[in-house]
Amino acid sequence: MPRLLLQMSRVIIWILLLVFCCSACASPLNRTPSPGKIELGKTIYLVSHGWHAGIVLKHSAIPLDIQPVFADFPDTEYLEIGWGDREFYQEPDPHTGILLKAALLPTPSVLHILGFDGPVQAAFPHSEIISIKISSTALKLLSQSIAASFSRDKAGRIHSLGPGLYGNSRFYKSNESYHIFNTCNVWTARILQNVGLPVEPTFAVRVEALMSQVRQIGTVIQFTPKPSE
């Protein structure tokens, strides 16, 4: 019965994804204009974790007015930011019910922040990593977009929900809802699109679809190792 339930849930999810993608194909794309020929002096990274991707920023490059958002990581060289369904993301061993609810119903979400010291490849030795060059203006806009996803109290403060999944990481409540039209990879694609990168969130439901788009605009600096390696 559990196996049958899992199979049924996968079928339902993929049917909904298919309907969504087909309806999106019938409408014109609303792409953000590319940044054009401007100084691209900043580097960000996209790291694939197999089911979602995280955005990595150099801590010192984040504008000073946004630094307080990351006050829990004062001395780290890099920050990796991920986003997703609150229950699924925080559950070490998520079950089918959580997965199905996250896919079919609007649910609360969280941000996952990891602080680490480079190089990025050493922090994620088993992940595909793509570097992307952007301008200082784009980096500020990207930082602002991420900061806008945090939930704040009446005084404007951000509070941690507790330790994260690995290393020096923590969870934070987000003000956005997770659902089939706003998955973790769609959120990441939207953050990148907001700064003028030619990434289409509509076609980034799966992590591979997101990484495939980003490979066209960035440089793959580490491939995902094969199982035999």
Foldseek 3Di string as FASTA:
>chain_A
DQVVLLVVLVVVLVVVLVVLLVVVVVDDFDFFAAPPPDDQDAKKKWKDPQFFIWIKHQLVLADPVLNVLVVLAVPFGMKIKFKFAPVVQQDPDDGSVVVSCLAADWGWMKMKMAGHHDDPCVVPVQIWMWMATHDSVLSHQLSVLVSQQFDADPVRDWDWPAAGDDHRMTMTTTPGIGYNLRGRQLSVQVSNRRSRQGGGSSQRSGPVSRVVSVVVRTPTPDDRDDPVD
